[in-house]
Protein backbone atom coordinates (compact mmCIF):
# COMPACT_ATOMS: atom_id res chain seq x y z
CA HIS A 1 -3.55 8.39 -14.29
CA ASN A 2 -1.39 11.28 -15.49
CA MET A 3 -4.04 13.86 -14.58
CA ALA A 4 -4.47 12.37 -11.09
CA LEU A 5 -0.70 12.36 -10.63
CA LYS A 6 -0.54 16.03 -11.65
CA VAL A 7 -3.23 16.83 -9.07
CA GLY A 8 -1.23 15.02 -6.40
CA LEU A 9 2.07 16.65 -7.31
CA GLU A 10 0.82 20.20 -7.75
CA LYS A 11 -1.84 20.32 -5.02
CA LEU A 12 -4.16 22.31 -7.24
CA LYS A 13 -6.29 24.58 -5.08
CA GLY A 14 -9.95 23.60 -5.16
CA VAL A 15 -9.33 20.43 -7.16
CA ASN A 16 -10.27 17.19 -5.45
CA VAL A 17 -10.19 13.98 -7.46
CA GLU A 18 -11.95 11.23 -5.56
CA GLY A 19 -11.09 8.41 -7.94
CA ILE A 20 -10.00 7.44 -11.43
CA PHE A 21 -11.14 4.72 -13.80
CA LEU A 22 -8.62 3.27 -16.24
CA ASN A 23 -10.27 1.37 -19.08
CA CYS A 24 -7.77 -1.12 -20.52
CA PRO A 25 -4.95 1.37 -19.89
CA TYR A 26 -2.42 1.74 -22.69
CA PHE A 27 0.69 1.49 -20.53
CA TRP A 28 3.91 0.19 -22.05
CA GLY A 29 7.60 -0.23 -21.25
CA LYS A 30 10.95 -1.43 -22.58
CA GLU A 31 10.79 -4.78 -20.81
CA PRO A 32 7.86 -7.17 -21.31
CA VAL A 33 5.62 -7.70 -18.30
CA GLY A 34 3.91 -11.01 -17.57
CA SER A 35 2.78 -12.70 -20.76
CA GLU A 36 3.44 -9.77 -23.14
CA ALA A 37 6.41 -11.41 -24.87
CA THR A 38 4.48 -14.60 -25.61
CA ARG A 39 1.39 -12.70 -26.68
CA LEU A 40 3.48 -10.60 -29.10
CA GLU A 41 4.90 -13.78 -30.66
CA LYS A 42 1.40 -15.20 -31.14
CA LYS A 43 0.18 -12.07 -32.93
CA GLY A 44 2.94 -12.66 -35.49
CA HIS A 45 2.34 -9.54 -37.59
CA LEU A 46 3.05 -5.84 -37.44
CA SER A 47 0.31 -4.12 -35.52
CA PHE A 48 -0.24 -1.34 -33.04
CA TRP A 49 1.10 -3.76 -30.41
CA ASP A 50 4.48 -4.01 -32.12
CA LYS A 51 7.12 -2.46 -29.84
CA SER A 52 8.79 -0.49 -32.65
CA TYR A 53 5.40 0.90 -33.72
CA VAL A 54 4.55 1.92 -30.15
CA GLU A 55 7.93 3.60 -29.72
CA ALA A 56 7.64 5.50 -33.03
CA ALA A 57 4.06 6.55 -32.28
CA TRP A 58 5.01 7.64 -28.76
CA HIS A 59 7.88 9.78 -30.11
CA PHE A 60 5.42 11.35 -32.58
CA VAL A 61 2.88 12.11 -29.83
CA TYR A 62 5.48 13.30 -27.33
CA PRO A 63 8.73 14.34 -29.09
CA ASN A 64 10.51 15.12 -25.79
CA THR A 65 9.95 11.63 -24.41
CA THR A 66 12.69 9.60 -22.81
CA GLY A 67 11.31 6.50 -24.57
CA LEU A 68 9.13 3.53 -23.66
CA ASP A 69 9.97 3.82 -19.97
CA ASP A 70 8.87 7.44 -19.83
CA PRO A 71 6.62 7.66 -16.74
CA LEU A 72 3.86 9.15 -18.91
CA LEU A 73 3.66 5.81 -20.77
CA ASN A 74 5.05 3.49 -18.10
CA PRO A 75 3.69 4.81 -14.79
CA VAL A 76 5.51 2.22 -12.69
CA MET A 77 8.69 4.17 -13.55
CA GLU A 78 7.22 7.29 -11.93
CA PRO A 79 9.32 8.16 -8.86
CA ASN A 80 6.35 10.02 -7.35
CA LEU A 81 3.75 7.27 -7.86
CA SER A 82 2.87 7.44 -4.16
CA ARG A 83 1.65 11.02 -4.70
CA LEU A 84 -1.21 9.98 -6.98
CA GLY A 85 -3.86 12.64 -6.31
CA CYS A 86 -6.89 10.46 -5.62
CA ARG A 87 -7.86 7.90 -3.04
CA ARG A 88 -9.50 5.28 -5.27
CA VAL A 89 -8.50 3.64 -8.55
CA LEU A 90 -10.52 1.17 -10.61
CA VAL A 91 -8.66 -0.54 -13.45
CA CYS A 92 -10.42 -2.64 -16.09
CA VAL A 93 -8.34 -5.23 -17.93
CA ALA A 94 -9.53 -7.68 -20.55
CA GLU A 95 -8.38 -11.30 -20.54
CA GLN A 96 -7.36 -11.34 -24.22
CA ASP A 97 -5.75 -7.88 -24.17
CA ILE A 98 -1.98 -7.92 -24.65
CA LEU A 99 -1.83 -5.07 -22.10
CA ARG A 100 -3.72 -7.01 -19.41
CA ASP A 101 -0.61 -7.69 -17.35
CA ARG A 102 0.33 -3.99 -17.42
CA GLY A 103 -2.91 -3.20 -15.60
CA TRP A 104 -2.11 -5.77 -12.93
CA PHE A 105 1.50 -4.54 -12.75
CA TYR A 106 0.21 -0.99 -12.21
CA LYS A 107 -1.95 -2.21 -9.31
CA GLU A 108 1.03 -3.95 -7.71
CA ALA A 109 3.19 -0.83 -8.12
CA LEU A 110 0.54 1.34 -6.45
CA GLU A 111 0.24 -1.12 -3.58
CA LYS A 112 4.03 -1.24 -3.12
CA SER A 113 4.33 2.55 -3.20
CA GLU A 114 3.41 4.63 -0.17
CA TRP A 115 0.17 5.72 -1.85
CA ALA A 116 -2.57 5.55 0.78
CA GLY A 117 -5.49 4.80 -1.53
CA ASP A 118 -7.40 1.72 -2.64
CA VAL A 119 -6.97 0.09 -6.03
CA GLU A 120 -9.03 -2.66 -7.64
CA VAL A 121 -8.59 -4.46 -10.94
CA VAL A 122 -11.60 -5.93 -12.73
CA GLU A 123 -10.58 -8.55 -15.28
CA VAL A 124 -13.19 -9.35 -17.89
CA ALA A 125 -13.01 -12.90 -19.24
CA GLY A 126 -12.96 -13.58 -22.97
CA GLU A 127 -12.61 -9.96 -24.05
CA ASP A 128 -9.92 -7.91 -25.81
CA HIS A 129 -8.66 -4.32 -25.58
CA VAL A 130 -11.44 -1.73 -24.98
CA PHE A 131 -14.10 -4.32 -25.82
CA ASN A 132 -16.77 -2.13 -24.22
CA LEU A 133 -16.17 0.62 -26.78
CA PHE A 134 -16.49 -1.77 -29.72
CA PHE A 135 -19.49 -3.66 -28.31
CA PRO A 136 -21.16 -1.23 -25.88
CA LYS A 137 -24.38 -3.26 -25.66
CA GLY A 138 -22.61 -6.54 -24.97
CA GLU A 139 -23.19 -8.33 -21.68
CA ASN A 140 -19.64 -7.73 -20.45
CA ALA A 141 -19.73 -4.05 -21.42
CA LEU A 142 -23.01 -3.52 -19.58
CA SER A 143 -21.66 -5.35 -16.54
CA LEU A 144 -18.56 -3.14 -16.57
CA LEU A 145 -20.76 -0.06 -16.86
CA LYS A 146 -22.66 -1.14 -13.73
CA LYS A 147 -19.34 -1.66 -11.92
CA LEU A 148 -18.22 1.82 -12.99
CA ALA A 149 -21.51 3.37 -11.83
CA SER A 150 -21.07 1.67 -8.47
CA PHE A 151 -17.51 3.01 -8.27
CA ILE A 152 -18.64 6.56 -9.11
CA ASN A 153 -21.37 6.33 -6.47
CA GLY A 154 -18.78 5.47 -3.82
CA ASN A 155 -19.42 1.72 -3.60
CA GLY A 156 -16.52 -0.69 -3.95
CA VAL A 157 -12.81 0.10 -4.01
């Protein structure tokens, strides 16, 4: 997302990004979206989903950040979202992923902005964050791979 936004903002000569694929995007923000608050309560232990952990890690990765609502981490806060430098976006979210609703929220934000492209969210039932990387030969991972191949070949979205 951030690379496509940079392309759209800077109009890089000779660079044309047709589309982007976001695999269980790690977007975050100060305020919970959708079912995040309830999902955090169910986890019940410190993990990489804990808000304080995410904030500390984000400050480590990007010391000049403005925090959890920094547009680099929370793209719906980006004032130039409509200038995303591609015309197609495919977002994969997993049903059990605590960040699932962020992917859907991103889609809604793109649709509400003046961005003229097409965005599609594929939600994979019964799976968790980046399931396809942990189980690349699983049925759902292979199905997602076929969807991605179709997207790259210009079909869909």
